[in-house]
Each structure stands twice: as structure tokens, then as C-alpha cells.
Amino acid sequence: MEKQESEERHDTIIYESTVGQRLSGIRKPGTTFIVFQGNKVPIVRRLTIGRDSRNSITLEDSLASRSHAVIQKIRDEFYIQDLHSTNGTFVNGKKIPPGDYIRLRPSDTILIGRTELSVLHLL
């Protein structure tokens, strides 16, 4: 019976065809989230972060600027930009230069004011 199952498996598109080999190599992207204060927000294209209620993520933190930072998906990567905030944005304990886009990786920790946000990627 094992031989028959093995033969059937090799008859599928995955094992035999060029298309199947290419499809099997495609990375399944999953979803990347920003996690903070018990909330989980998916990053679809662009998230704005700050005290102002018009932001995608509104922080009740007096050390956060009204428009503090933005997280943006560019191609298949995620980047954060400090929007020239008063107190700065920190990624993994390092202050990022205002205006520069810094690439985020899963499990990075972002500190805005006293609020800690985490990058989480789920398949």
C-alpha cells in the first residue's frame, strides 16, 4: 500500500511538473501584527501611531506625539519611520533617526513614549 500512496503523491502537480516545483517554493506570507496593551492590529499597508484619535493606533501616552510614527509595508517588508516626534521612537532599545525608514523584523520591540509595541508574524 505504501508504494501506491507514494506513486499517487508523485503524480501530483507538486512533485512532477515545473509549475508544481515553483509553487512549492513560494513562501506563504502569513500576517504581521503590531501588538500593544493587549491589542493586536494587522499591518496591511500603512499604520499611523500617535496620540491623535485619527491615527490607526491611538496611544494614551503623554510622551507620544500627536503624529508620532508610521509603519508601512513596502513590497514584502515592514518599515517604521519616526515623524520627527518630540521624544523619539526606539526599536530594540535604539533611537531611530527621524524621517528615516528602518526595517522591522518579527519580534522587534518598539518604544513610543512609555508604550511598548511588538512586531508579531503569524503564519
PDB file of N, CA and C in Angstrom:
ATOM      1  N   MET A   1       0.815  -1.182   0.000  1.00  0.00           N
ATOM      2  CA  MET A   1       0.000   0.000   0.000  1.00  0.00           C
ATOM      3  C   MET A   1       0.868   1.259   0.000  1.00  0.00           C
ATOM      4  N   GLU A   2       2.012   1.218   0.674  1.00  0.00           N
ATOM      5  CA  GLU A   2       2.885   2.387   0.715  1.00  0.00           C
ATOM      6  C   GLU A   2       3.361   2.760  -0.683  1.00  0.00           C
ATOM      7  N   LYS A   3       3.640   1.760  -1.510  1.00  0.00           N
ATOM      8  CA  LYS A   3       4.099   2.033  -2.862  1.00  0.00           C
ATOM      9  C   LYS A   3       3.028   2.768  -3.654  1.00  0.00           C
ATOM     10  N   GLN A   4       1.765   2.362  -3.526  1.00  0.00           N
ATOM     11  CA  GLN A   4       0.672   3.017  -4.242  1.00  0.00           C
ATOM     12  C   GLN A   4       0.518   4.465  -3.779  1.00  0.00           C
ATOM     13  N   GLU A   5       0.566   4.715  -2.473  1.00  0.00           N
ATOM     14  CA  GLU A   5       0.465   6.083  -1.961  1.00  0.00           C
ATOM     15  C   GLU A   5       1.621   6.927  -2.470  1.00  0.00           C
ATOM     16  N   SER A   6       2.804   6.347  -2.501  1.00  0.00           N
ATOM     17  CA  SER A   6       3.983   7.062  -2.977  1.00  0.00           C
ATOM     18  C   SER A   6       3.832   7.422  -4.449  1.00  0.00           C
ATOM     19  N   GLU A   7       3.327   6.479  -5.255  1.00  0.00           N
ATOM     20  CA  GLU A   7       3.127   6.743  -6.675  1.00  0.00           C
ATOM     21  C   GLU A   7       2.083   7.831  -6.888  1.00  0.00           C
ATOM     22  N   GLU A   8       0.983   7.796  -6.114  1.00  0.00           N
ATOM     23  CA  GLU A   8      -0.049   8.811  -6.233  1.00  0.00           C
ATOM     24  C   GLU A   8       0.489  10.187  -5.891  1.00  0.00           C
ATOM     25  N   ARG A   9       1.326  10.241  -4.860  1.00  0.00           N
ATOM     26  CA  ARG A   9       1.893  11.523  -4.443  1.00  0.00           C
ATOM     27  C   ARG A   9       2.762  12.102  -5.561  1.00  0.00           C
ATOM     28  N   HIS A  10       3.502  11.269  -6.247  1.00  0.00           N
ATOM     29  CA  HIS A  10       4.384  11.753  -7.298  1.00  0.00           C
ATOM     30  C   HIS A  10       3.643  12.115  -8.578  1.00  0.00           C
ATOM     31  N   ASP A  11       2.383  11.737  -8.683  1.00  0.00           N
ATOM     32  CA  ASP A  11       1.592  12.114  -9.837  1.00  0.00           C
ATOM     33  C   ASP A  11       0.993  13.505  -9.690  1.00  0.00           C
ATOM     34  N   THR A  12       1.114  14.109  -8.528  1.00  0.00           N
ATOM     35  CA  THR A  12       0.522  15.425  -8.313  1.00  0.00           C
ATOM     36  C   THR A  12       1.377  16.513  -8.936  1.00  0.00           C
ATOM     37  N   ILE A  13       0.805  17.670  -9.061  1.00  0.00           N
ATOM     38  CA  ILE A  13       1.486  18.814  -9.654  1.00  0.00           C
ATOM     39  C   ILE A  13       2.727  19.215  -8.858  1.00  0.00           C
ATOM     40  N   ILE A  14       2.710  18.999  -7.554  1.00  0.00           N
ATOM     41  CA  ILE A  14       3.827  19.426  -6.705  1.00  0.00           C
ATOM     42  C   ILE A  14       5.102  18.683  -7.063  1.00  0.00           C
ATOM     43  N   TYR A  15       5.014  17.389  -7.273  1.00  0.00           N
ATOM     44  CA  TYR A  15       6.229  16.593  -7.434  1.00  0.00           C
ATOM     45  C   TYR A  15       6.748  16.516  -8.857  1.00  0.00           C
ATOM     46  N   GLU A  16       5.888  16.564  -9.835  1.00  0.00           N
ATOM     47  CA  GLU A  16       6.331  16.257 -11.186  1.00  0.00           C
ATOM     48  C   GLU A  16       6.507  17.449 -12.114  1.00  0.00           C
ATOM     49  N   SER A  17       5.669  18.422 -12.036  1.00  0.00           N
ATOM     50  CA  SER A  17       5.716  19.475 -13.045  1.00  0.00           C
ATOM     51  C   SER A  17       6.605  20.636 -12.624  1.00  0.00           C
ATOM     52  N   THR A  18       7.032  21.405 -13.599  1.00  0.00           N
ATOM     53  CA  THR A  18       7.811  22.612 -13.348  1.00  0.00           C
ATOM     54  C   THR A  18       6.987  23.616 -12.553  1.00  0.00           C
ATOM     55  N   VAL A  19       5.716  23.739 -12.890  1.00  0.00           N
ATOM     56  CA  VAL A  19       4.828  24.642 -12.176  1.00  0.00           C
ATOM     57  C   VAL A  19       4.716  24.211 -10.715  1.00  0.00           C
ATOM     58  N   GLY A  20       4.556  22.938 -10.485  1.00  0.00           N
ATOM     59  CA  GLY A  20       4.451  22.423  -9.124  1.00  0.00           C
ATOM     60  C   GLY A  20       5.696  22.704  -8.313  1.00  0.00           C
ATOM     61  N   GLN A  21       6.856  22.563  -8.920  1.00  0.00           N
ATOM     62  CA  GLN A  21       8.099  22.840  -8.209  1.00  0.00           C
ATOM     63  C   GLN A  21       8.193  24.322  -7.857  1.00  0.00           C
ATOM     64  N   ARG A  22       7.769  25.193  -8.783  1.00  0.00           N
ATOM     65  CA  ARG A  22       7.781  26.633  -8.476  1.00  0.00           C
ATOM     66  C   ARG A  22       6.782  26.968  -7.383  1.00  0.00           C
ATOM     67  N   LEU A  23       5.568  26.390  -7.466  1.00  0.00           N
ATOM     68  CA  LEU A  23       4.546  26.664  -6.452  1.00  0.00           C
ATOM     69  C   LEU A  23       4.981  26.190  -5.069  1.00  0.00           C
ATOM     70  N   SER A  24       5.658  25.058  -5.000  1.00  0.00           N
ATOM     71  CA  SER A  24       6.069  24.548  -3.700  1.00  0.00           C
ATOM     72  C   SER A  24       7.143  25.422  -3.064  1.00  0.00           C
ATOM     73  N   GLY A  25       7.831  26.229  -3.863  1.00  0.00           N
ATOM     74  CA  GLY A  25       8.862  27.115  -3.334  1.00  0.00           C
ATOM     75  C   GLY A  25       8.365  28.480  -2.906  1.00  0.00           C
ATOM     76  N   ILE A  26       7.107  28.794  -3.158  1.00  0.00           N
ATOM     77  CA  ILE A  26       6.558  30.098  -2.807  1.00  0.00           C
ATOM     78  C   ILE A  26       6.355  30.171  -1.304  1.00  0.00           C
ATOM     79  N   ARG A  27       6.840  31.247  -0.716  1.00  0.00           N
ATOM     80  CA  ARG A  27       6.690  31.447   0.719  1.00  0.00           C
ATOM     81  C   ARG A  27       5.263  31.878   1.034  1.00  0.00           C
ATOM     82  N   LYS A  28       4.656  31.249   2.009  1.00  0.00           N
ATOM     83  CA  LYS A  28       3.325  31.656   2.445  1.00  0.00           C
ATOM     84  C   LYS A  28       3.515  32.816   3.406  1.00  0.00           C
ATOM     85  N   PRO A  29       3.019  33.992   3.053  1.00  0.00           N
ATOM     86  CA  PRO A  29       3.383  35.187   3.802  1.00  0.00           C
ATOM     87  C   PRO A  29       2.801  35.295   5.208  1.00  0.00           C
ATOM     88  N   GLY A  30       1.637  34.779   5.474  1.00  0.00           N
ATOM     89  CA  GLY A  30       1.047  34.948   6.788  1.00  0.00           C
ATOM     90  C   GLY A  30       0.645  36.402   7.017  1.00  0.00           C
ATOM     91  N   THR A  31       0.510  36.784   8.278  1.00  0.00           N
ATOM     92  CA  THR A  31       0.099  38.140   8.625  1.00  0.00           C
ATOM     93  C   THR A  31       1.044  38.691   9.678  1.00  0.00           C
ATOM     94  N   THR A  32       1.399  39.952   9.544  1.00  0.00           N
ATOM     95  CA  THR A  32       2.235  40.616  10.535  1.00  0.00           C
ATOM     96  C   THR A  32       1.369  41.592  11.316  1.00  0.00           C
ATOM     97  N   PHE A  33       1.530  41.573  12.633  1.00  0.00           N
ATOM     98  CA  PHE A  33       0.728  42.390  13.539  1.00  0.00           C
ATOM     99  C   PHE A  33       1.619  43.299  14.377  1.00  0.00           C
ATOM    100  N   ILE A  34       1.017  44.367  14.867  1.00  0.00           N
ATOM    101  CA  ILE A  34       1.596  45.173  15.928  1.00  0.00           C
ATOM    102  C   ILE A  34       0.785  44.832  17.175  1.00  0.00           C
ATOM    103  N   VAL A  35       1.467  44.430  18.231  1.00  0.00           N
ATOM    104  CA  VAL A  35       0.813  44.028  19.467  1.00  0.00           C
ATOM    105  C   VAL A  35       1.179  45.038  20.544  1.00  0.00           C
ATOM    106  N   PHE A  36       0.158  45.571  21.242  1.00  0.00           N
ATOM    107  CA  PHE A  36       0.391  46.533  22.318  1.00  0.00           C
ATOM    108  C   PHE A  36      -0.801  46.542  23.256  1.00  0.00           C
ATOM    109  N   GLN A  37      -0.529  46.632  24.522  1.00  0.00           N
ATOM    110  CA  GLN A  37      -1.557  46.750  25.561  1.00  0.00           C
ATOM    111  C   GLN A  37      -2.732  45.791  25.348  1.00  0.00           C
ATOM    112  N   GLY A  38      -2.437  44.568  24.995  1.00  0.00           N
ATOM    113  CA  GLY A  38      -3.484  43.568  24.793  1.00  0.00           C
ATOM    114  C   GLY A  38      -4.197  43.645  23.457  1.00  0.00           C
ATOM    115  N   ASN A  39      -3.805  44.563  22.595  1.00  0.00           N
ATOM    116  CA  ASN A  39      -4.405  44.707  21.260  1.00  0.00           C
ATOM    117  C   ASN A  39      -3.487  44.105  20.211  1.00  0.00           C
ATOM    118  N   LYS A  40      -4.072  43.604  19.145  1.00  0.00           N
ATOM    119  CA  LYS A  40      -3.310  43.043  18.022  1.00  0.00           C
ATOM    120  C   LYS A  40      -3.871  43.659  16.743  1.00  0.00           C
ATOM    121  N   VAL A  41      -3.058  44.494  16.064  1.00  0.00           N
ATOM    122  CA  VAL A  41      -3.504  45.215  14.871  1.00  0.00           C
ATOM    123  C   VAL A  41      -2.703  44.706  13.668  1.00  0.00           C
ATOM    124  N   PRO A  42      -3.377  44.170  12.633  1.00  0.00           N
ATOM    125  CA  PRO A  42      -2.640  43.706  11.451  1.00  0.00           C
ATOM    126  C   PRO A  42      -2.087  44.876  10.652  1.00  0.00           C
ATOM    127  N   ILE A  43      -0.876  44.685  10.122  1.00  0.00           N
ATOM    128  CA  ILE A  43      -0.297  45.698   9.231  1.00  0.00           C
ATOM    129  C   ILE A  43      -0.673  45.285   7.818  1.00  0.00           C
ATOM    130  N   VAL A  44      -1.541  46.051   7.208  1.00  0.00           N
ATOM    131  CA  VAL A  44      -1.959  45.738   5.844  1.00  0.00           C
ATOM    132  C   VAL A  44      -1.105  46.537   4.868  1.00  0.00           C
ATOM    133  N   ARG A  45      -1.116  47.835   4.978  1.00  0.00           N
ATOM    134  CA  ARG A  45      -0.289  48.692   4.131  1.00  0.00           C
ATOM    135  C   ARG A  45       0.442  49.732   4.957  1.00  0.00           C
ATOM    136  N   ARG A  46      -0.333  50.467   5.760  1.00  0.00           N
ATOM    137  CA  ARG A  46       0.239  51.601   6.483  1.00  0.00           C
ATOM    138  C   ARG A  46      -0.532  51.822   7.785  1.00  0.00           C
ATOM    139  N   LEU A  47       0.211  51.978   8.874  1.00  0.00           N
ATOM    140  CA  LEU A  47      -0.377  52.286  10.173  1.00  0.00           C
ATOM    141  C   LEU A  47       0.262  53.560  10.703  1.00  0.00           C
ATOM    142  N   THR A  48      -0.554  54.492  11.143  1.00  0.00           N
ATOM    143  CA  THR A  48      -0.031  55.681  11.802  1.00  0.00           C
ATOM    144  C   THR A  48      -0.211  55.492  13.305  1.00  0.00           C
ATOM    145  N   ILE A  49       0.740  56.022  14.067  1.00  0.00           N
ATOM    146  CA  ILE A  49       0.733  55.838  15.513  1.00  0.00           C
ATOM    147  C   ILE A  49       0.927  57.192  16.182  1.00  0.00           C
ATOM    148  N   GLY A  50       0.125  57.469  17.195  1.00  0.00           N
ATOM    149  CA  GLY A  50       0.269  58.706  17.952  1.00  0.00           C
ATOM    150  C   GLY A  50      -0.904  58.932  18.874  1.00  0.00           C
ATOM    151  N   ARG A  51      -0.906  60.089  19.553  1.00  0.00           N
ATOM    152  CA  ARG A  51      -1.977  60.423  20.500  1.00  0.00           C
ATOM    153  C   ARG A  51      -3.278  60.830  19.822  1.00  0.00           C
ATOM    154  N   ASP A  52      -3.194  61.396  18.621  1.00  0.00           N
ATOM    155  CA  ASP A  52      -4.391  61.880  17.918  1.00  0.00           C
ATOM    156  C   ASP A  52      -5.307  60.713  17.564  1.00  0.00           C
ATOM    157  N   SER A  53      -6.604  60.900  17.760  1.00  0.00           N
ATOM    158  CA  SER A  53      -7.573  59.830  17.504  1.00  0.00           C
ATOM    159  C   SER A  53      -7.705  59.471  16.026  1.00  0.00           C
ATOM    160  N   ARG A  54      -7.161  60.289  15.141  1.00  0.00           N
ATOM    161  CA  ARG A  54      -7.219  59.974  13.705  1.00  0.00           C
ATOM    162  C   ARG A  54      -6.157  58.958  13.292  1.00  0.00           C
ATOM    163  N   ASN A  55      -5.248  58.596  14.184  1.00  0.00           N
ATOM    164  CA  ASN A  55      -4.221  57.597  13.884  1.00  0.00           C
ATOM    165  C   ASN A  55      -4.821  56.200  13.825  1.00  0.00           C
ATOM    166  N   SER A  56      -4.156  55.304  13.117  1.00  0.00           N
ATOM    167  CA  SER A  56      -4.570  53.893  13.089  1.00  0.00           C
ATOM    168  C   SER A  56      -4.454  53.285  14.477  1.00  0.00           C
ATOM    169  N   ILE A  57      -3.390  53.646  15.195  1.00  0.00           N
ATOM    170  CA  ILE A  57      -3.186  53.214  16.569  1.00  0.00           C
ATOM    171  C   ILE A  57      -3.097  54.470  17.424  1.00  0.00           C
ATOM    172  N   THR A  58      -4.072  54.649  18.304  1.00  0.00           N
ATOM    173  CA  THR A  58      -4.102  55.812  19.187  1.00  0.00           C
ATOM    174  C   THR A  58      -3.535  55.410  20.545  1.00  0.00           C
ATOM    175  N   LEU A  59      -2.512  56.142  20.971  1.00  0.00           N
ATOM    176  CA  LEU A  59      -1.872  55.865  22.254  1.00  0.00           C
ATOM    177  C   LEU A  59      -2.303  56.896  23.287  1.00  0.00           C
ATOM    178  N   GLU A  60      -2.684  56.424  24.437  1.00  0.00           N
ATOM    179  CA  GLU A  60      -2.985  57.315  25.554  1.00  0.00           C
ATOM    180  C   GLU A  60      -1.719  57.431  26.386  1.00  0.00           C
ATOM    181  N   ASP A  61      -0.749  58.129  25.837  1.00  0.00           N
ATOM    182  CA  ASP A  61       0.574  58.254  26.440  1.00  0.00           C
ATOM    183  C   ASP A  61       1.027  59.693  26.246  1.00  0.00           C
ATOM    184  N   SER A  62       1.200  60.415  27.343  1.00  0.00           N
ATOM    185  CA  SER A  62       1.557  61.834  27.247  1.00  0.00           C
ATOM    186  C   SER A  62       2.944  62.061  26.634  1.00  0.00           C
ATOM    187  N   LEU A  63       3.781  61.029  26.584  1.00  0.00           N
ATOM    188  CA  LEU A  63       5.108  61.169  25.972  1.00  0.00           C
ATOM    189  C   LEU A  63       5.097  60.879  24.469  1.00  0.00           C
ATOM    190  N   ALA A  64       3.964  60.461  23.945  1.00  0.00           N
ATOM    191  CA  ALA A  64       3.821  60.230  22.500  1.00  0.00           C
ATOM    192  C   ALA A  64       3.346  61.521  21.847  1.00  0.00           C
ATOM    193  N   SER A  65       3.855  61.803  20.666  1.00  0.00           N
ATOM    194  CA  SER A  65       3.398  62.970  19.906  1.00  0.00           C
ATOM    195  C   SER A  65       2.046  62.667  19.274  1.00  0.00           C
ATOM    196  N   ARG A  66       1.350  63.721  18.853  1.00  0.00           N
ATOM    197  CA  ARG A  66       0.050  63.502  18.198  1.00  0.00           C
ATOM    198  C   ARG A  66       0.204  62.627  16.971  1.00  0.00           C
ATOM    199  N   SER A  67       1.185  62.924  16.128  1.00  0.00           N
ATOM    200  CA  SER A  67       1.533  62.077  14.977  1.00  0.00           C
ATOM    201  C   SER A  67       2.975  61.653  15.202  1.00  0.00           C
ATOM    202  N   HIS A  68       3.153  60.490  15.795  1.00  0.00           N
ATOM    203  CA  HIS A  68       4.471  60.087  16.282  1.00  0.00           C
ATOM    204  C   HIS A  68       5.275  59.290  15.248  1.00  0.00           C
ATOM    205  N   ALA A  69       4.664  58.244  14.700  1.00  0.00           N
ATOM    206  CA  ALA A  69       5.397  57.351  13.794  1.00  0.00           C
ATOM    207  C   ALA A  69       4.442  56.710  12.805  1.00  0.00           C
ATOM    208  N   VAL A  70       5.021  56.114  11.771  1.00  0.00           N
ATOM    209  CA  VAL A  70       4.242  55.376  10.788  1.00  0.00           C
ATOM    210  C   VAL A  70       4.948  54.048  10.523  1.00  0.00           C
ATOM    211  N   ILE A  71       4.155  52.987  10.382  1.00  0.00           N
ATOM    212  CA  ILE A  71       4.675  51.686   9.962  1.00  0.00           C
ATOM    213  C   ILE A  71       4.060  51.403   8.609  1.00  0.00           C
ATOM    214  N   GLN A  72       4.915  51.035   7.662  1.00  0.00           N
ATOM    215  CA  GLN A  72       4.449  50.878   6.293  1.00  0.00           C
ATOM    216  C   GLN A  72       5.000  49.595   5.687  1.00  0.00           C
ATOM    217  N   LYS A  73       4.146  48.935   4.915  1.00  0.00           N
ATOM    218  CA  LYS A  73       4.583  47.764   4.155  1.00  0.00           C
ATOM    219  C   LYS A  73       5.099  48.239   2.808  1.00  0.00           C
ATOM    220  N   ILE A  74       6.327  47.882   2.507  1.00  0.00           N
ATOM    221  CA  ILE A  74       6.926  48.204   1.213  1.00  0.00           C
ATOM    222  C   ILE A  74       7.410  46.881   0.628  1.00  0.00           C
ATOM    223  N   ARG A  75       6.787  46.504  -0.471  1.00  0.00           N
ATOM    224  CA  ARG A  75       6.951  45.169  -1.051  1.00  0.00           C
ATOM    225  C   ARG A  75       6.577  44.145  -0.003  1.00  0.00           C
ATOM    226  N   ASP A  76       7.464  43.267   0.399  1.00  0.00           N
ATOM    227  CA  ASP A  76       7.128  42.260   1.400  1.00  0.00           C
ATOM    228  C   ASP A  76       7.789  42.535   2.744  1.00  0.00           C
ATOM    229  N   GLU A  77       8.263  43.736   2.950  1.00  0.00           N
ATOM    230  CA  GLU A  77       8.944  44.095   4.191  1.00  0.00           C
ATOM    231  C   GLU A  77       8.162  45.195   4.912  1.00  0.00           C
ATOM    232  N   PHE A  78       8.418  45.341   6.208  1.00  0.00           N
ATOM    233  CA  PHE A  78       7.760  46.354   7.013  1.00  0.00           C
ATOM    234  C   PHE A  78       8.799  47.324   7.554  1.00  0.00           C
ATOM    235  N   TYR A  79       8.461  48.614   7.502  1.00  0.00           N
ATOM    236  CA  TYR A  79       9.376  49.666   7.915  1.00  0.00           C
ATOM    237  C   TYR A  79       8.669  50.623   8.862  1.00  0.00           C
ATOM    238  N   ILE A  80       9.448  51.211   9.783  1.00  0.00           N
ATOM    239  CA  ILE A  80       8.926  52.226  10.674  1.00  0.00           C
ATOM    240  C   ILE A  80       9.659  53.526  10.412  1.00  0.00           C
ATOM    241  N   GLN A  81       8.952  54.622  10.530  1.00  0.00           N
ATOM    242  CA  GLN A  81       9.534  55.950  10.352  1.00  0.00           C
ATOM    243  C   GLN A  81       9.066  56.828  11.508  1.00  0.00           C
ATOM    244  N   ASP A  82      10.011  57.469  12.187  1.00  0.00           N
ATOM    245  CA  ASP A  82       9.667  58.447  13.201  1.00  0.00           C
ATOM    246  C   ASP A  82       9.309  59.741  12.479  1.00  0.00           C
ATOM    247  N   LEU A  83       8.160  60.324  12.819  1.00  0.00           N
ATOM    248  CA  LEU A  83       7.670  61.525  12.141  1.00  0.00           C
ATOM    249  C   LEU A  83       8.129  62.800  12.857  1.00  0.00           C
ATOM    250  N   HIS A  84       9.427  62.830  13.198  1.00  0.00           N
ATOM    251  CA  HIS A  84      10.034  63.983  13.884  1.00  0.00           C
ATOM    252  C   HIS A  84       9.305  64.257  15.205  1.00  0.00           C
ATOM    253  N   SER A  85       9.065  63.188  15.938  1.00  0.00           N
ATOM    254  CA  SER A  85       8.373  63.289  17.225  1.00  0.00           C
ATOM    255  C   SER A  85       9.259  63.992  18.256  1.00  0.00           C
ATOM    256  N   THR A  86       8.629  64.473  19.308  1.00  0.00           N
ATOM    257  CA  THR A  86       9.358  65.179  20.363  1.00  0.00           C
ATOM    258  C   THR A  86      10.301  64.258  21.127  1.00  0.00           C
ATOM    259  N   ASN A  87       9.834  63.066  21.490  1.00  0.00           N
ATOM    260  CA  ASN A  87      10.626  62.165  22.339  1.00  0.00           C
ATOM    261  C   ASN A  87      11.266  60.997  21.612  1.00  0.00           C
ATOM    262  N   GLY A  88      11.076  60.908  20.315  1.00  0.00           N
ATOM    263  CA  GLY A  88      11.729  59.865  19.528  1.00  0.00           C
ATOM    264  C   GLY A  88      11.025  58.522  19.560  1.00  0.00           C
ATOM    265  N   THR A  89      11.481  57.647  18.672  1.00  0.00           N
ATOM    266  CA  THR A  89      10.980  56.281  18.554  1.00  0.00           C
ATOM    267  C   THR A  89      12.175  55.356  18.694  1.00  0.00           C
ATOM    268  N   PHE A  90      12.007  54.295  19.471  1.00  0.00           N
ATOM    269  CA  PHE A  90      13.087  53.350  19.733  1.00  0.00           C
ATOM    270  C   PHE A  90      12.704  51.976  19.215  1.00  0.00           C
ATOM    271  N   VAL A  91      13.646  51.317  18.544  1.00  0.00           N
ATOM    272  CA  VAL A  91      13.455  49.942  18.087  1.00  0.00           C
ATOM    273  C   VAL A  91      14.553  49.116  18.743  1.00  0.00           C
ATOM    274  N   ASN A  92      14.136  48.137  19.522  1.00  0.00           N
ATOM    275  CA  ASN A  92      15.066  47.282  20.266  1.00  0.00           C
ATOM    276  C   ASN A  92      16.051  48.100  21.103  1.00  0.00           C
ATOM    277  N   GLY A  93      15.547  49.162  21.707  1.00  0.00           N
ATOM    278  CA  GLY A  93      16.354  49.983  22.602  1.00  0.00           C
ATOM    279  C   GLY A  93      17.193  51.056  21.942  1.00  0.00           C
ATOM    280  N   LYS A  94      17.193  51.122  20.614  1.00  0.00           N
ATOM    281  CA  LYS A  94      17.989  52.121  19.897  1.00  0.00           C
ATOM    282  C   LYS A  94      17.083  53.174  19.276  1.00  0.00           C
ATOM    283  N   LYS A  95      17.443  54.432  19.490  1.00  0.00           N
ATOM    284  CA  LYS A  95      16.658  55.526  18.912  1.00  0.00           C
ATOM    285  C   LYS A  95      16.870  55.548  17.405  1.00  0.00           C
ATOM    286  N   ILE A  96      15.758  55.615  16.659  1.00  0.00           N
ATOM    287  CA  ILE A  96      15.881  55.644  15.200  1.00  0.00           C
ATOM    288  C   ILE A  96      15.930  57.098  14.739  1.00  0.00           C
ATOM    289  N   PRO A  97      16.678  57.370  13.671  1.00  0.00           N
ATOM    290  CA  PRO A  97      16.771  58.745  13.167  1.00  0.00           C
ATOM    291  C   PRO A  97      15.421  59.223  12.624  1.00  0.00           C
ATOM    292  N   PRO A  98      14.989  60.426  13.011  1.00  0.00           N
ATOM    293  CA  PRO A  98      13.718  60.957  12.493  1.00  0.00           C
ATOM    294  C   PRO A  98      13.731  61.020  10.966  1.00  0.00           C
ATOM    295  N   GLY A  99      12.634  60.604  10.370  1.00  0.00           N
ATOM    296  CA  GLY A  99      12.492  60.682   8.918  1.00  0.00           C
ATOM    297  C   GLY A  99      13.027  59.483   8.158  1.00  0.00           C
ATOM    298  N   ASP A 100      13.917  58.689   8.757  1.00  0.00           N
ATOM    299  CA  ASP A 100      14.472  57.512   8.076  1.00  0.00           C
ATOM    300  C   ASP A 100      13.529  56.328   8.215  1.00  0.00           C
ATOM    301  N   TYR A 101      13.475  55.482   7.194  1.00  0.00           N
ATOM    302  CA  TYR A 101      12.720  54.245   7.272  1.00  0.00           C
ATOM    303  C   TYR A 101      13.655  53.161   7.796  1.00  0.00           C
ATOM    304  N   ILE A 102      13.233  52.495   8.874  1.00  0.00           N
ATOM    305  CA  ILE A 102      14.016  51.423   9.477  1.00  0.00           C
ATOM    306  C   ILE A 102      13.224  50.130   9.327  1.00  0.00           C
ATOM    307  N   ARG A 103      13.878  49.097   8.793  1.00  0.00           N
ATOM    308  CA  ARG A 103      13.202  47.819   8.560  1.00  0.00           C
ATOM    309  C   ARG A 103      12.891  47.126   9.887  1.00  0.00           C
ATOM    310  N   LEU A 104      11.677  46.600   9.985  1.00  0.00           N
ATOM    311  CA  LEU A 104      11.255  45.856  11.163  1.00  0.00           C
ATOM    312  C   LEU A 104      11.325  44.364  10.881  1.00  0.00           C
ATOM    313  N   ARG A 105      11.636  43.613  11.918  1.00  0.00           N
ATOM    314  CA  ARG A 105      11.674  42.157  11.823  1.00  0.00           C
ATOM    315  C   ARG A 105      10.716  41.587  12.879  1.00  0.00           C
ATOM    316  N   PRO A 106      10.229  40.366  12.649  1.00  0.00           N
ATOM    317  CA  PRO A 106       9.383  39.748  13.678  1.00  0.00           C
ATOM    318  C   PRO A 106      10.118  39.733  15.014  1.00  0.00           C
ATOM    319  N   SER A 107       9.418  39.984  16.047  1.00  0.00           N
ATOM    320  CA  SER A 107       9.885  40.037  17.440  1.00  0.00           C
ATOM    321  C   SER A 107      10.620  41.330  17.792  1.00  0.00           C
ATOM    322  N   ASP A 108      10.685  42.317  16.885  1.00  0.00           N
ATOM    323  CA  ASP A 108      11.235  43.625  17.247  1.00  0.00           C
ATOM    324  C   ASP A 108      10.320  44.285  18.267  1.00  0.00           C
ATOM    325  N   THR A 109      10.920  45.075  19.153  1.00  0.00           N
ATOM    326  CA  THR A 109      10.177  45.829  20.156  1.00  0.00           C
ATOM    327  C   THR A 109      10.314  47.310  19.844  1.00  0.00           C
ATOM    328  N   ILE A 110       9.188  48.005  19.799  1.00  0.00           N
ATOM    329  CA  ILE A 110       9.143  49.438  19.509  1.00  0.00           C
ATOM    330  C   ILE A 110       8.716  50.141  20.790  1.00  0.00           C
ATOM    331  N   LEU A 111       9.405  51.217  21.132  1.00  0.00           N
ATOM    332  CA  LEU A 111       9.029  52.005  22.301  1.00  0.00           C
ATOM    333  C   LEU A 111       8.683  53.411  21.843  1.00  0.00           C
ATOM    334  N   ILE A 112       7.447  53.801  22.105  1.00  0.00           N
ATOM    335  CA  ILE A 112       6.954  55.152  21.808  1.00  0.00           C
ATOM    336  C   ILE A 112       6.450  55.718  23.129  1.00  0.00           C
ATOM    337  N   GLY A 113       7.128  56.739  23.623  1.00  0.00           N
ATOM    338  CA  GLY A 113       6.805  57.247  24.948  1.00  0.00           C
ATOM    339  C   GLY A 113       7.056  56.151  25.965  1.00  0.00           C
ATOM    340  N   ARG A 114       6.029  55.824  26.743  1.00  0.00           N
ATOM    341  CA  ARG A 114       6.119  54.717  27.706  1.00  0.00           C
ATOM    342  C   ARG A 114       5.422  53.462  27.185  1.00  0.00           C
ATOM    343  N   THR A 115       4.972  53.502  25.946  1.00  0.00           N
ATOM    344  CA  THR A 115       4.204  52.387  25.383  1.00  0.00           C
ATOM    345  C   THR A 115       5.109  51.476  24.559  1.00  0.00           C
ATOM    346  N   GLU A 116       5.078  50.200  24.896  1.00  0.00           N
ATOM    347  CA  GLU A 116       5.854  49.203  24.174  1.00  0.00           C
ATOM    348  C   GLU A 116       4.954  48.479  23.183  1.00  0.00           C
ATOM    349  N   LEU A 117       5.421  48.394  21.945  1.00  0.00           N
ATOM    350  CA  LEU A 117       4.700  47.692  20.890  1.00  0.00           C
ATOM    351  C   LEU A 117       5.619  46.607  20.354  1.00  0.00           C
ATOM    352  N   SER A 118       5.060  45.480  19.954  1.00  0.00           N
ATOM    353  CA  SER A 118       5.862  44.379  19.432  1.00  0.00           C
ATOM    354  C   SER A 118       5.410  44.016  18.028  1.00  0.00           C
ATOM    355  N   VAL A 119       6.354  43.542  17.230  1.00  0.00           N
ATOM    356  CA  VAL A 119       6.065  43.046  15.883  1.00  0.00           C
ATOM    357  C   VAL A 119       5.906  41.546  16.003  1.00  0.00           C
ATOM    358  N   LEU A 120       4.790  41.025  15.498  1.00  0.00           N
ATOM    359  CA  LEU A 120       4.490  39.605  15.573  1.00  0.00           C
ATOM    360  C   LEU A 120       4.069  39.111  14.202  1.00  0.00           C
ATOM    361  N   HIS A 121       4.709  38.045  13.727  1.00  0.00           N
ATOM    362  CA  HIS A 121       4.352  37.469  12.433  1.00  0.00           C
ATOM    363  C   HIS A 121       3.758  36.078  12.675  1.00  0.00           C
ATOM    364  N   LEU A 122       2.544  35.862  12.162  1.00  0.00           N
ATOM    365  CA  LEU A 122       1.878  34.575  12.282  1.00  0.00           C
ATOM    366  C   LEU A 122       1.611  33.989  10.908  1.00  0.00           C
ATOM    367  N   LEU A 123       1.855  32.705  10.772  1.00  0.00           N
ATOM    368  CA  LEU A 123       1.575  32.020   9.508  1.00  0.00           C
ATOM    369  C   LEU A 123       0.140  31.597   9.444  1.00  0.00           C
TER     370      LEU A 123
END
